[in-house]
PDB file of N, CA and C in Angstrom:
ATOM      1  N   MET A   1       0.851  -1.175   0.000  1.00  0.00           N
ATOM      2  CA  MET A   1       0.000   0.000   0.000  1.00  0.00           C
ATOM      3  C   MET A   1       0.894   1.234   0.000  1.00  0.00           C
ATOM      4  N   SER A   2       0.633   2.183  -0.873  1.00  0.00           N
ATOM      5  CA  SER A   2       1.447   3.392  -0.940  1.00  0.00           C
ATOM      6  C   SER A   2       1.043   4.356   0.170  1.00  0.00           C
ATOM      7  N   ASP A   3       1.922   5.320   0.435  1.00  0.00           N
ATOM      8  CA  ASP A   3       1.617   6.326   1.448  1.00  0.00           C
ATOM      9  C   ASP A   3       0.362   7.102   1.082  1.00  0.00           C
ATOM     10  N   ASP A   4       0.137   7.368  -0.224  1.00  0.00           N
ATOM     11  CA  ASP A   4      -1.048   8.095  -0.661  1.00  0.00           C
ATOM     12  C   ASP A   4      -2.322   7.361  -0.293  1.00  0.00           C
ATOM     13  N   SER A   5      -2.361   6.056  -0.491  1.00  0.00           N
ATOM     14  CA  SER A   5      -3.575   5.315  -0.174  1.00  0.00           C
ATOM     15  C   SER A   5      -3.815   5.279   1.329  1.00  0.00           C
ATOM     16  N   VAL A   6      -2.753   5.302   2.129  1.00  0.00           N
ATOM     17  CA  VAL A   6      -2.913   5.359   3.575  1.00  0.00           C
ATOM     18  C   VAL A   6      -3.549   6.686   3.961  1.00  0.00           C
ATOM     19  N   VAL A   7      -3.083   7.781   3.369  1.00  0.00           N
ATOM     20  CA  VAL A   7      -3.644   9.096   3.656  1.00  0.00           C
ATOM     21  C   VAL A   7      -5.110   9.138   3.233  1.00  0.00           C
ATOM     22  N   LEU A   8      -5.416   8.630   2.042  1.00  0.00           N
ATOM     23  CA  LEU A   8      -6.804   8.636   1.580  1.00  0.00           C
ATOM     24  C   LEU A   8      -7.681   7.798   2.492  1.00  0.00           C
ATOM     25  N   TRP A   9      -7.207   6.621   2.881  1.00  0.00           N
ATOM     26  CA  TRP A   9      -7.994   5.769   3.773  1.00  0.00           C
ATOM     27  C   TRP A   9      -8.193   6.472   5.110  1.00  0.00           C
ATOM     28  N   SER A  10      -7.123   7.050   5.651  1.00  0.00           N
ATOM     29  CA  SER A  10      -7.243   7.729   6.932  1.00  0.00           C
ATOM     30  C   SER A  10      -8.276   8.841   6.863  1.00  0.00           C
ATOM     31  N   ARG A  11      -8.205   9.659   5.832  1.00  0.00           N
ATOM     32  CA  ARG A  11      -9.151  10.771   5.705  1.00  0.00           C
ATOM     33  C   ARG A  11     -10.569  10.251   5.511  1.00  0.00           C
ATOM     34  N   SER A  12     -10.737   9.201   4.705  1.00  0.00           N
ATOM     35  CA  SER A  12     -12.086   8.702   4.452  1.00  0.00           C
ATOM     36  C   SER A  12     -12.706   8.117   5.712  1.00  0.00           C
ATOM     37  N   VAL A  13     -11.888   7.632   6.621  1.00  0.00           N
ATOM     38  CA  VAL A  13     -12.392   7.098   7.884  1.00  0.00           C
ATOM     39  C   VAL A  13     -12.486   8.204   8.928  1.00  0.00           C
ATOM     40  N   LEU A  14     -11.444   9.011   9.036  1.00  0.00           N
ATOM     41  CA  LEU A  14     -11.384  10.004  10.095  1.00  0.00           C
ATOM     42  C   LEU A  14     -12.359  11.151   9.920  1.00  0.00           C
ATOM     43  N   LEU A  15     -12.568  11.607   8.696  1.00  0.00           N
ATOM     44  CA  LEU A  15     -13.420  12.775   8.494  1.00  0.00           C
ATOM     45  C   LEU A  15     -14.832  12.554   9.012  1.00  0.00           C
ATOM     46  N   PRO A  16     -15.540  11.484   8.620  1.00  0.00           N
ATOM     47  CA  PRO A  16     -16.892  11.336   9.144  1.00  0.00           C
ATOM     48  C   PRO A  16     -16.934  11.139  10.658  1.00  0.00           C
ATOM     49  N   VAL A  17     -15.924  10.456  11.206  1.00  0.00           N
ATOM     50  CA  VAL A  17     -15.881  10.242  12.655  1.00  0.00           C
ATOM     51  C   VAL A  17     -15.663  11.576  13.366  1.00  0.00           C
ATOM     52  N   ALA A  18     -14.707  12.356  12.887  1.00  0.00           N
ATOM     53  CA  ALA A  18     -14.434  13.663  13.502  1.00  0.00           C
ATOM     54  C   ALA A  18     -15.640  14.586  13.369  1.00  0.00           C
ATOM     55  N   LEU A  19     -16.263  14.620  12.202  1.00  0.00           N
ATOM     56  CA  LEU A  19     -17.452  15.460  12.016  1.00  0.00           C
ATOM     57  C   LEU A  19     -18.567  15.042  12.967  1.00  0.00           C
ATOM     58  N   ALA A  20     -18.764  13.740  13.132  1.00  0.00           N
ATOM     59  CA  ALA A  20     -19.806  13.245  14.036  1.00  0.00           C
ATOM     60  C   ALA A  20     -19.518  13.656  15.477  1.00  0.00           C
ATOM     61  N   ILE A  21     -18.256  13.549  15.891  1.00  0.00           N
ATOM     62  CA  ILE A  21     -17.880  13.947  17.256  1.00  0.00           C
ATOM     63  C   ILE A  21     -18.117  15.433  17.452  1.00  0.00           C
ATOM     64  N   ILE A  22     -17.665  16.232  16.503  1.00  0.00           N
ATOM     65  CA  ILE A  22     -17.808  17.688  16.619  1.00  0.00           C
ATOM     66  C   ILE A  22     -19.290  18.067  16.665  1.00  0.00           C
ATOM     67  N   ALA A  23     -20.105  17.431  15.823  1.00  0.00           N
ATOM     68  CA  ALA A  23     -21.539  17.719  15.807  1.00  0.00           C
ATOM     69  C   ALA A  23     -22.183  17.318  17.130  1.00  0.00           C
ATOM     70  N   ALA A  24     -21.846  16.134  17.631  1.00  0.00           N
ATOM     71  CA  ALA A  24     -22.434  15.641  18.884  1.00  0.00           C
ATOM     72  C   ALA A  24     -22.029  16.504  20.075  1.00  0.00           C
ATOM     73  N   GLU A  25     -20.795  16.987  20.054  1.00  0.00           N
ATOM     74  CA  GLU A  25     -20.279  17.787  21.162  1.00  0.00           C
ATOM     75  C   GLU A  25     -20.705  19.255  21.046  1.00  0.00           C
ATOM     76  N   GLY A  26     -21.235  19.660  19.906  1.00  0.00           N
ATOM     77  CA  GLY A  26     -21.582  21.057  19.706  1.00  0.00           C
ATOM     78  C   GLY A  26     -20.354  21.930  19.501  1.00  0.00           C
ATOM     79  N   GLY A  27     -19.257  21.308  19.190  1.00  0.00           N
ATOM     80  CA  GLY A  27     -17.971  21.991  19.016  1.00  0.00           C
ATOM     81  C   GLY A  27     -16.959  21.310  19.910  1.00  0.00           C
ATOM     82  N   SER A  28     -15.738  21.196  19.449  1.00  0.00           N
ATOM     83  CA  SER A  28     -14.731  20.514  20.233  1.00  0.00           C
ATOM     84  C   SER A  28     -13.346  20.917  19.766  1.00  0.00           C
ATOM     85  N   HIS A  29     -12.388  20.762  20.660  1.00  0.00           N
ATOM     86  CA  HIS A  29     -10.995  21.053  20.297  1.00  0.00           C
ATOM     87  C   HIS A  29     -10.304  19.752  19.901  1.00  0.00           C
ATOM     88  N   GLY A  30      -9.197  19.881  19.194  1.00  0.00           N
ATOM     89  CA  GLY A  30      -8.509  18.732  18.616  1.00  0.00           C
ATOM     90  C   GLY A  30      -8.159  17.644  19.608  1.00  0.00           C
ATOM     91  N   TYR A  31      -7.667  18.031  20.788  1.00  0.00           N
ATOM     92  CA  TYR A  31      -7.271  17.007  21.759  1.00  0.00           C
ATOM     93  C   TYR A  31      -8.487  16.209  22.221  1.00  0.00           C
ATOM     94  N   ARG A  32      -9.624  16.854  22.421  1.00  0.00           N
ATOM     95  CA  ARG A  32     -10.854  16.154  22.833  1.00  0.00           C
ATOM     96  C   ARG A  32     -11.329  15.222  21.717  1.00  0.00           C
ATOM     97  N   ILE A  33     -11.277  15.677  20.475  1.00  0.00           N
ATOM     98  CA  ILE A  33     -11.650  14.830  19.340  1.00  0.00           C
ATOM     99  C   ILE A  33     -10.751  13.595  19.329  1.00  0.00           C
ATOM    100  N   LYS A  34      -9.457  13.819  19.497  1.00  0.00           N
ATOM    101  CA  LYS A  34      -8.486  12.710  19.519  1.00  0.00           C
ATOM    102  C   LYS A  34      -8.802  11.742  20.649  1.00  0.00           C
ATOM    103  N   GLN A  35      -9.099  12.256  21.843  1.00  0.00           N
ATOM    104  CA  GLN A  35      -9.434  11.392  22.987  1.00  0.00           C
ATOM    105  C   GLN A  35     -10.656  10.525  22.671  1.00  0.00           C
ATOM    106  N   LEU A  36     -11.705  11.134  22.140  1.00  0.00           N
ATOM    107  CA  LEU A  36     -12.935  10.388  21.853  1.00  0.00           C
ATOM    108  C   LEU A  36     -12.716   9.353  20.755  1.00  0.00           C
ATOM    109  N   MET A  37     -11.891   9.687  19.775  1.00  0.00           N
ATOM    110  CA  MET A  37     -11.586   8.719  18.720  1.00  0.00           C
ATOM    111  C   MET A  37     -10.821   7.530  19.300  1.00  0.00           C
ATOM    112  N   GLU A  38      -9.849   7.805  20.159  1.00  0.00           N
ATOM    113  CA  GLU A  38      -9.076   6.721  20.769  1.00  0.00           C
ATOM    114  C   GLU A  38      -9.966   5.845  21.647  1.00  0.00           C
ATOM    115  N   GLN A  39     -10.919   6.452  22.363  1.00  0.00           N
ATOM    116  CA  GLN A  39     -11.851   5.686  23.180  1.00  0.00           C
ATOM    117  C   GLN A  39     -12.752   4.800  22.304  1.00  0.00           C
ATOM    118  N   SER A  40     -12.922   5.196  21.048  1.00  0.00           N
ATOM    119  CA  SER A  40     -13.745   4.424  20.109  1.00  0.00           C
ATOM    120  C   SER A  40     -12.939   3.368  19.364  1.00  0.00           C
ATOM    121  N   GLY A  41     -11.646   3.256  19.673  1.00  0.00           N
ATOM    122  CA  GLY A  41     -10.844   2.208  19.066  1.00  0.00           C
ATOM    123  C   GLY A  41      -9.827   2.683  18.048  1.00  0.00           C
ATOM    124  N   PHE A  42      -9.818   3.964  17.693  1.00  0.00           N
ATOM    125  CA  PHE A  42      -8.800   4.489  16.788  1.00  0.00           C
ATOM    126  C   PHE A  42      -7.529   4.673  17.593  1.00  0.00           C
ATOM    127  N   GLN A  43      -6.384   4.353  16.975  1.00  0.00           N
ATOM    128  CA  GLN A  43      -5.144   4.460  17.728  1.00  0.00           C
ATOM    129  C   GLN A  43      -4.159   5.376  17.041  1.00  0.00           C
ATOM    130  N   ARG A  44      -2.911   5.079  17.077  1.00  0.00           N
ATOM    131  CA  ARG A  44      -1.839   5.964  16.638  1.00  0.00           C
ATOM    132  C   ARG A  44      -2.019   6.664  15.292  1.00  0.00           C
ATOM    133  N   PRO A  45      -2.608   6.080  14.252  1.00  0.00           N
ATOM    134  CA  PRO A  45      -2.718   6.842  13.003  1.00  0.00           C
ATOM    135  C   PRO A  45      -3.430   8.170  13.171  1.00  0.00           C
ATOM    136  N   VAL A  46      -4.266   8.281  14.202  1.00  0.00           N
ATOM    137  CA  VAL A  46      -4.978   9.533  14.451  1.00  0.00           C
ATOM    138  C   VAL A  46      -4.004  10.662  14.740  1.00  0.00           C
ATOM    139  N   ASP A  47      -2.896  10.368  15.446  1.00  0.00           N
ATOM    140  CA  ASP A  47      -1.947  11.410  15.837  1.00  0.00           C
ATOM    141  C   ASP A  47      -1.486  12.250  14.660  1.00  0.00           C
ATOM    142  N   GLY A  48      -1.013  11.610  13.617  1.00  0.00           N
ATOM    143  CA  GLY A  48      -0.457  12.340  12.491  1.00  0.00           C
ATOM    144  C   GLY A  48      -1.470  12.792  11.466  1.00  0.00           C
ATOM    145  N   ALA A  49      -2.664  12.255  11.519  1.00  0.00           N
ATOM    146  CA  ALA A  49      -3.651  12.543  10.482  1.00  0.00           C
ATOM    147  C   ALA A  49      -4.741  13.522  10.922  1.00  0.00           C
ATOM    148  N   LEU A  50      -5.014  13.606  12.199  1.00  0.00           N
ATOM    149  CA  LEU A  50      -6.161  14.377  12.667  1.00  0.00           C
ATOM    150  C   LEU A  50      -6.042  15.865  12.383  1.00  0.00           C
ATOM    151  N   TYR A  51      -4.972  16.493  12.818  1.00  0.00           N
ATOM    152  CA  TYR A  51      -4.872  17.949  12.697  1.00  0.00           C
ATOM    153  C   TYR A  51      -4.805  18.423  11.243  1.00  0.00           C
ATOM    154  N   PRO A  52      -4.011  17.780  10.372  1.00  0.00           N
ATOM    155  CA  PRO A  52      -4.061  18.191   8.964  1.00  0.00           C
ATOM    156  C   PRO A  52      -5.446  17.995   8.353  1.00  0.00           C
ATOM    157  N   MET A  53      -6.136  16.915   8.730  1.00  0.00           N
ATOM    158  CA  MET A  53      -7.471  16.659   8.214  1.00  0.00           C
ATOM    159  C   MET A  53      -8.446  17.740   8.685  1.00  0.00           C
ATOM    160  N   LEU A  54      -8.332  18.168   9.938  1.00  0.00           N
ATOM    161  CA  LEU A  54      -9.201  19.230  10.450  1.00  0.00           C
ATOM    162  C   LEU A  54      -8.944  20.546   9.715  1.00  0.00           C
ATOM    163  N   ARG A  55      -7.669  20.855   9.453  1.00  0.00           N
ATOM    164  CA  ARG A  55      -7.347  22.085   8.709  1.00  0.00           C
ATOM    165  C   ARG A  55      -7.913  22.028   7.293  1.00  0.00           C
ATOM    166  N   THR A  56      -7.805  20.859   6.656  1.00  0.00           N
ATOM    167  CA  THR A  56      -8.351  20.704   5.307  1.00  0.00           C
ATOM    168  C   THR A  56      -9.868  20.822   5.329  1.00  0.00           C
ATOM    169  N   ALA A  57     -10.509  20.202   6.305  1.00  0.00           N
ATOM    170  CA  ALA A  57     -11.978  20.280   6.418  1.00  0.00           C
ATOM    171  C   ALA A  57     -12.421  21.725   6.625  1.00  0.00           C
ATOM    172  N   GLU A  58     -11.640  22.495   7.374  1.00  0.00           N
ATOM    173  CA  GLU A  58     -11.977  23.907   7.554  1.00  0.00           C
ATOM    174  C   GLU A  58     -11.813  24.665   6.238  1.00  0.00           C
ATOM    175  N   ALA A  59     -10.742  24.396   5.516  1.00  0.00           N
ATOM    176  CA  ALA A  59     -10.514  25.046   4.220  1.00  0.00           C
ATOM    177  C   ALA A  59     -11.636  24.707   3.231  1.00  0.00           C
ATOM    178  N   GLU A  60     -12.220  23.512   3.359  1.00  0.00           N
ATOM    179  CA  GLU A  60     -13.324  23.091   2.485  1.00  0.00           C
ATOM    180  C   GLU A  60     -14.673  23.617   2.958  1.00  0.00           C
ATOM    181  N   GLY A  61     -14.692  24.337   4.068  1.00  0.00           N
ATOM    182  CA  GLY A  61     -15.932  24.913   4.577  1.00  0.00           C
ATOM    183  C   GLY A  61     -16.776  23.956   5.406  1.00  0.00           C
ATOM    184  N   LEU A  62     -16.207  22.818   5.798  1.00  0.00           N
ATOM    185  CA  LEU A  62     -16.960  21.836   6.580  1.00  0.00           C
ATOM    186  C   LEU A  62     -16.941  22.162   8.071  1.00  0.00           C
ATOM    187  N   LEU A  63     -15.900  22.863   8.494  1.00  0.00           N
ATOM    188  CA  LEU A  63     -15.730  23.263   9.883  1.00  0.00           C
ATOM    189  C   LEU A  63     -15.379  24.733   9.926  1.00  0.00           C
ATOM    190  N   GLU A  64     -15.622  25.326  11.077  1.00  0.00           N
ATOM    191  CA  GLU A  64     -15.081  26.653  11.352  1.00  0.00           C
ATOM    192  C   GLU A  64     -14.431  26.556  12.725  1.00  0.00           C
ATOM    193  N   SER A  65     -13.453  27.384  12.961  1.00  0.00           N
ATOM    194  CA  SER A  65     -12.754  27.297  14.237  1.00  0.00           C
ATOM    195  C   SER A  65     -12.534  28.684  14.810  1.00  0.00           C
ATOM    196  N   SER A  66     -12.396  28.711  16.127  1.00  0.00           N
ATOM    197  CA  SER A  66     -12.086  29.953  16.819  1.00  0.00           C
ATOM    198  C   SER A  66     -11.284  29.609  18.069  1.00  0.00           C
ATOM    199  N   TRP A  67     -10.516  30.576  18.538  1.00  0.00           N
ATOM    200  CA  TRP A  67      -9.705  30.360  19.730  1.00  0.00           C
ATOM    201  C   TRP A  67     -10.566  30.579  20.969  1.00  0.00           C
ATOM    202  N   GLN A  68     -10.438  29.651  21.918  1.00  0.00           N
ATOM    203  CA  GLN A  68     -11.161  29.727  23.184  1.00  0.00           C
ATOM    204  C   GLN A  68     -10.137  29.980  24.284  1.00  0.00           C
ATOM    205  N   LYS A  69     -10.377  31.025  25.042  1.00  0.00           N
ATOM    206  CA  LYS A  69      -9.464  31.384  26.125  1.00  0.00           C
ATOM    207  C   LYS A  69      -9.516  30.312  27.198  1.00  0.00           C
ATOM    208  N   GLY A  70      -8.351  29.832  27.612  1.00  0.00           N
ATOM    209  CA  GLY A  70      -8.282  28.807  28.639  1.00  0.00           C
ATOM    210  C   GLY A  70      -7.979  29.404  30.003  1.00  0.00           C
ATOM    211  N   GLU A  71      -8.764  29.008  31.003  1.00  0.00           N
ATOM    212  CA  GLU A  71      -8.468  29.441  32.366  1.00  0.00           C
ATOM    213  C   GLU A  71      -7.447  28.475  32.960  1.00  0.00           C
ATOM    214  N   ARG A  72      -6.266  28.985  33.280  1.00  0.00           N
ATOM    215  CA  ARG A  72      -5.159  28.189  33.814  1.00  0.00           C
ATOM    216  C   ARG A  72      -4.735  27.070  32.865  1.00  0.00           C
ATOM    217  N   LYS A  73      -5.155  27.146  31.615  1.00  0.00           N
ATOM    218  CA  LYS A  73      -4.781  26.182  30.580  1.00  0.00           C
ATOM    219  C   LYS A  73      -4.423  26.984  29.338  1.00  0.00           C
ATOM    220  N   PRO A  74      -3.710  26.367  28.413  1.00  0.00           N
ATOM    221  CA  PRO A  74      -3.439  27.077  27.150  1.00  0.00           C
ATOM    222  C   PRO A  74      -4.744  27.341  26.386  1.00  0.00           C
ATOM    223  N   ASP A  75      -4.736  28.393  25.570  1.00  0.00           N
ATOM    224  CA  ASP A  75      -5.881  28.643  24.698  1.00  0.00           C
ATOM    225  C   ASP A  75      -6.076  27.444  23.784  1.00  0.00           C
ATOM    226  N   ARG A  76      -7.310  27.201  23.365  1.00  0.00           N
ATOM    227  CA  ARG A  76      -7.614  26.043  22.518  1.00  0.00           C
ATOM    228  C   ARG A  76      -8.321  26.487  21.251  1.00  0.00           C
ATOM    229  N   LEU A  77      -7.998  25.818  20.176  1.00  0.00           N
ATOM    230  CA  LEU A  77      -8.676  26.041  18.919  1.00  0.00           C
ATOM    231  C   LEU A  77      -9.882  25.105  18.882  1.00  0.00           C
ATOM    232  N   VAL A  78     -11.082  25.677  18.919  1.00  0.00           N
ATOM    233  CA  VAL A  78     -12.311  24.894  18.975  1.00  0.00           C
ATOM    234  C   VAL A  78     -12.952  24.859  17.590  1.00  0.00           C
ATOM    235  N   CYS A  79     -13.276  23.656  17.145  1.00  0.00           N
ATOM    236  CA  CYS A  79     -13.902  23.452  15.838  1.00  0.00           C
ATOM    237  C   CYS A  79     -15.405  23.279  16.015  1.00  0.00           C
ATOM    238  N   ARG A  80     -16.155  23.858  15.092  1.00  0.00           N
ATOM    239  CA  ARG A  80     -17.601  23.681  15.042  1.00  0.00           C
ATOM    240  C   ARG A  80     -17.975  23.293  13.623  1.00  0.00           C
ATOM    241  N   ILE A  81     -18.980  22.444  13.531  1.00  0.00           N
ATOM    242  CA  ILE A  81     -19.407  21.984  12.212  1.00  0.00           C
ATOM    243  C   ILE A  81     -20.285  23.059  11.564  1.00  0.00           C
ATOM    244  N   THR A  82     -20.144  23.241  10.276  1.00  0.00           N
ATOM    245  CA  THR A  82     -20.938  24.209   9.516  1.00  0.00           C
ATOM    246  C   THR A  82     -22.127  23.487   8.879  1.00  0.00           C
ATOM    247  N   PRO A  83     -23.078  24.226   8.314  1.00  0.00           N
ATOM    248  CA  PRO A  83     -24.162  23.562   7.578  1.00  0.00           C
ATOM    249  C   PRO A  83     -23.631  22.663   6.451  1.00  0.00           C
ATOM    250  N   ALA A  84     -22.580  23.101   5.770  1.00  0.00           N
ATOM    251  CA  ALA A  84     -21.971  22.254   4.726  1.00  0.00           C
ATOM    252  C   ALA A  84     -21.371  20.998   5.343  1.00  0.00           C
ATOM    253  N   GLY A  85     -20.805  21.129   6.537  1.00  0.00           N
ATOM    254  CA  GLY A  85     -20.259  19.978   7.241  1.00  0.00           C
ATOM    255  C   GLY A  85     -21.346  18.997   7.644  1.00  0.00           C
ATOM    256  N   MET A  86     -22.505  19.506   8.050  1.00  0.00           N
ATOM    257  CA  MET A  86     -23.627  18.621   8.397  1.00  0.00           C
ATOM    258  C   MET A  86     -24.116  17.874   7.161  1.00  0.00           C
ATOM    259  N   ARG A  87     -24.166  18.557   6.023  1.00  0.00           N
ATOM    260  CA  ARG A  87     -24.570  17.871   4.778  1.00  0.00           C
ATOM    261  C   ARG A  87     -23.560  16.782   4.429  1.00  0.00           C
ATOM    262  N   ARG A  88     -22.283  17.090   4.584  1.00  0.00           N
ATOM    263  CA  ARG A  88     -21.236  16.109   4.301  1.00  0.00           C
ATOM    264  C   ARG A  88     -21.334  14.933   5.272  1.00  0.00           C
ATOM    265  N   LEU A  89     -21.593  15.223   6.550  1.00  0.00           N
ATOM    266  CA  LEU A  89     -21.738  14.168   7.550  1.00  0.00           C
ATOM    267  C   LEU A  89     -22.896  13.245   7.179  1.00  0.00           C
ATOM    268  N   THR A  90     -24.013  13.803   6.752  1.00  0.00           N
ATOM    269  CA  THR A  90     -25.161  12.993   6.329  1.00  0.00           C
ATOM    270  C   THR A  90     -24.786  12.107   5.147  1.00  0.00           C
ATOM    271  N   ALA A  91     -24.084  12.672   4.170  1.00  0.00           N
ATOM    272  CA  ALA A  91     -23.659  11.884   3.002  1.00  0.00           C
ATOM    273  C   ALA A  91     -22.691  10.778   3.415  1.00  0.00           C
ATOM    274  N   GLU A  92     -21.764  11.085   4.320  1.00  0.00           N
ATOM    275  CA  GLU A  92     -20.792  10.088   4.783  1.00  0.00           C
ATOM    276  C   GLU A  92     -21.494   8.971   5.555  1.00  0.00           C
ATOM    277  N   ARG A  93     -22.485   9.326   6.365  1.00  0.00           N
ATOM    278  CA  ARG A  93     -23.243   8.302   7.095  1.00  0.00           C
ATOM    279  C   ARG A  93     -23.940   7.366   6.120  1.00  0.00           C
ATOM    280  N   ASP A  94     -24.509   7.937   5.062  1.00  0.00           N
ATOM    281  CA  ASP A  94     -25.176   7.117   4.038  1.00  0.00           C
ATOM    282  C   ASP A  94     -24.184   6.167   3.371  1.00  0.00           C
ATOM    283  N   LYS A  95     -22.994   6.680   3.049  1.00  0.00           N
ATOM    284  CA  LYS A  95     -21.966   5.830   2.432  1.00  0.00           C
ATOM    285  C   LYS A  95     -21.569   4.690   3.361  1.00  0.00           C
ATOM    286  N   TRP A  96     -21.377   5.000   4.647  1.00  0.00           N
ATOM    287  CA  TRP A  96     -20.988   3.966   5.601  1.00  0.00           C
ATOM    288  C   TRP A  96     -22.098   2.940   5.791  1.00  0.00           C
ATOM    289  N   ALA A  97     -23.352   3.386   5.772  1.00  0.00           N
ATOM    290  CA  ALA A  97     -24.468   2.444   5.903  1.00  0.00           C
ATOM    291  C   ALA A  97     -24.480   1.485   4.719  1.00  0.00           C
ATOM    292  N   THR A  98     -24.251   2.001   3.524  1.00  0.00           N
ATOM    293  CA  THR A  98     -24.183   1.158   2.327  1.00  0.00           C
ATOM    294  C   THR A  98     -23.020   0.185   2.426  1.00  0.00           C
ATOM    295  N   PHE A  99     -21.870   0.686   2.835  1.00  0.00           N
ATOM    296  CA  PHE A  99     -20.684  -0.155   2.992  1.00  0.00           C
ATOM    297  C   PHE A  99     -20.957  -1.274   4.001  1.00  0.00           C
ATOM    298  N   ALA A 100     -21.568  -0.925   5.134  1.00  0.00           N
ATOM    299  CA  ALA A 100     -21.861  -1.923   6.166  1.00  0.00           C
ATOM    300  C   ALA A 100     -22.813  -2.991   5.639  1.00  0.00           C
ATOM    301  N   LYS A 101     -23.824  -2.582   4.872  1.00  0.00           N
ATOM    302  CA  LYS A 101     -24.752  -3.554   4.285  1.00  0.00           C
ATOM    303  C   LYS A 101     -24.021  -4.489   3.327  1.00  0.00           C
ATOM    304  N   ASP A 102     -23.147  -3.926   2.508  1.00  0.00           N
ATOM    305  CA  ASP A 102     -22.392  -4.738   1.548  1.00  0.00           C
ATOM    306  C   ASP A 102     -21.485  -5.743   2.260  1.00  0.00           C
ATOM    307  N   VAL A 103     -20.807  -5.293   3.295  1.00  0.00           N
ATOM    308  CA  VAL A 103     -19.934  -6.197   4.054  1.00  0.00           C
ATOM    309  C   VAL A 103     -20.774  -7.284   4.716  1.00  0.00           C
ATOM    310  N   ASP A 104     -21.912  -6.906   5.268  1.00  0.00           N
ATOM    311  CA  ASP A 104     -22.793  -7.887   5.897  1.00  0.00           C
ATOM    312  C   ASP A 104     -23.246  -8.939   4.885  1.00  0.00           C
ATOM    313  N   LEU A 105     -23.589  -8.515   3.669  1.00  0.00           N
ATOM    314  CA  LEU A 105     -23.988  -9.467   2.631  1.00  0.00           C
ATOM    315  C   LEU A 105     -22.848 -10.426   2.297  1.00  0.00           C
ATOM    316  N   ILE A 106     -21.640  -9.900   2.216  1.00  0.00           N
ATOM    317  CA  ILE A 106     -20.478 -10.742   1.930  1.00  0.00           C
ATOM    318  C   ILE A 106     -20.280 -11.756   3.054  1.00  0.00           C
ATOM    319  N   LEU A 107     -20.330 -11.294   4.286  1.00  0.00           N
ATOM    320  CA  LEU A 107     -20.125 -12.186   5.424  1.00  0.00           C
ATOM    321  C   LEU A 107     -21.222 -13.243   5.526  1.00  0.00           C
ATOM    322  N   GLN A 108     -22.451 -12.855   5.228  1.00  0.00           N
ATOM    323  CA  GLN A 108     -23.562 -13.807   5.283  1.00  0.00           C
ATOM    324  C   GLN A 108     -23.479 -14.850   4.174  1.00  0.00           C
ATOM    325  N   SER A 109     -22.985 -14.431   3.006  1.00  0.00           N
ATOM    326  CA  SER A 109     -22.927 -15.360   1.887  1.00  0.00           C
ATOM    327  C   SER A 109     -21.709 -16.274   1.968  1.00  0.00           C
ATOM    328  N   GLY A 110     -20.706 -15.868   2.723  1.00  0.00           N
ATOM    329  CA  GLY A 110     -19.501 -16.674   2.846  1.00  0.00           C
ATOM    330  C   GLY A 110     -18.609 -16.605   1.624  1.00  0.00           C
ATOM    331  N   THR A 111     -18.838 -15.616   0.750  1.00  0.00           N
ATOM    332  CA  THR A 111     -17.995 -15.450  -0.427  1.00  0.00           C
ATOM    333  C   THR A 111     -17.301 -14.107  -0.353  1.00  0.00           C
ATOM    334  N   SER A 112     -16.290 -13.953  -1.174  1.00  0.00           N
ATOM    335  CA  SER A 112     -15.615 -12.662  -1.230  1.00  0.00           C
ATOM    336  C   SER A 112     -15.997 -11.885  -2.481  1.00  0.00           C
ATOM    337  N   ALA A 113     -16.956 -12.415  -3.236  1.00  0.00           N
ATOM    338  CA  ALA A 113     -17.354 -11.755  -4.487  1.00  0.00           C
ATOM    339  C   ALA A 113     -18.168 -10.505  -4.229  1.00  0.00           C
ATOM    340  N   GLY A 114     -18.922 -10.449  -3.137  1.00  0.00           N
ATOM    341  CA  GLY A 114     -19.728  -9.280  -2.825  1.00  0.00           C
ATOM    342  C   GLY A 114     -21.031  -9.285  -3.596  1.00  0.00           C
ATOM    343  N   PRO A 115     -21.870  -8.307  -3.305  1.00  0.00           N
ATOM    344  CA  PRO A 115     -23.179  -8.239  -3.960  1.00  0.00           C
ATOM    345  C   PRO A 115     -23.039  -7.796  -5.403  1.00  0.00           C
ATOM    346  N   PRO A 116     -23.997  -8.119  -6.244  1.00  0.00           N
ATOM    347  CA  PRO A 116     -23.960  -7.620  -7.602  1.00  0.00           C
ATOM    348  C   PRO A 116     -24.048  -6.102  -7.618  1.00  0.00           C
ATOM    349  N   ALA A 117     -23.577  -5.483  -8.694  1.00  0.00           N
ATOM    350  CA  ALA A 117     -23.538  -4.019  -8.798  1.00  0.00           C
ATOM    351  C   ALA A 117     -24.909  -3.397  -8.583  1.00  0.00           C
ATOM    352  N   ASP A 118     -25.975  -4.098  -8.953  1.00  0.00           N
ATOM    353  CA  ASP A 118     -27.307  -3.541  -8.778  1.00  0.00           C
ATOM    354  C   ASP A 118     -28.054  -4.186  -7.608  1.00  0.00           C
ATOM    355  N   GLY A 119     -27.307  -4.855  -6.734  1.00  0.00           N
ATOM    356  CA  GLY A 119     -27.921  -5.568  -5.623  1.00  0.00           C
ATOM    357  C   GLY A 119     -28.222  -4.659  -4.445  1.00  0.00           C
ATOM    358  N   PRO A 120     -28.668  -5.264  -3.324  1.00  0.00           N
ATOM    359  CA  PRO A 120     -29.003  -4.493  -2.142  1.00  0.00           C
ATOM    360  C   PRO A 120     -27.808  -3.670  -1.678  1.00  0.00           C
ATOM    361  N   GLY A 121     -28.123  -2.508  -1.136  1.00  0.00           N
ATOM    362  CA  GLY A 121     -27.067  -1.644  -0.636  1.00  0.00           C
ATOM    363  C   GLY A 121     -26.465  -0.762  -1.713  1.00  0.00           C
ATOM    364  N   ARG A 122     -26.881  -0.920  -2.938  1.00  0.00           N
ATOM    365  CA  ARG A 122     -26.357  -0.086  -4.040  1.00  0.00           C
ATOM    366  C   ARG A 122     -27.473   0.799  -4.549  1.00  0.00           C
ATOM    367  N   SER A 123     -27.129   2.029  -4.843  1.00  0.00           N
ATOM    368  CA  SER A 123     -28.122   2.906  -5.437  1.00  0.00           C
ATOM    369  C   SER A 123     -27.844   3.022  -6.912  1.00  0.00           C
ATOM    370  N   ALA A 124     -28.893   3.132  -7.655  1.00  0.00           N
ATOM    371  CA  ALA A 124     -28.766   3.180  -9.114  1.00  0.00           C
ATOM    372  C   ALA A 124     -28.413   4.558  -9.586  1.00  0.00           C
TER     373      ALA A 124
END
């Protein structure tokens, strides 16, 4: 696997998870997002991929950020999801639901061929 495919896979997995966390929390800072991801089973790849992904998501208009003054703590950059980010989160959830259905069909059938292109879990 090339480094590019690792980055693409990381972003395709991390972006919807991070957006979901930020939406659920009503806004969150990077360290909190990282903590919640690790509690959900994500490990070390999050360290190097999370912050660049958040900056890219902000540049794409999916997030907005502002500095929050910390009492007896360093200031924190807090991310909030935008309406465009909520639309993207909805689309990503739909993609993951389709993916999960397809994997379930493969596991139930005991084959690695997967469902037909026009089968369940696929939209025309």
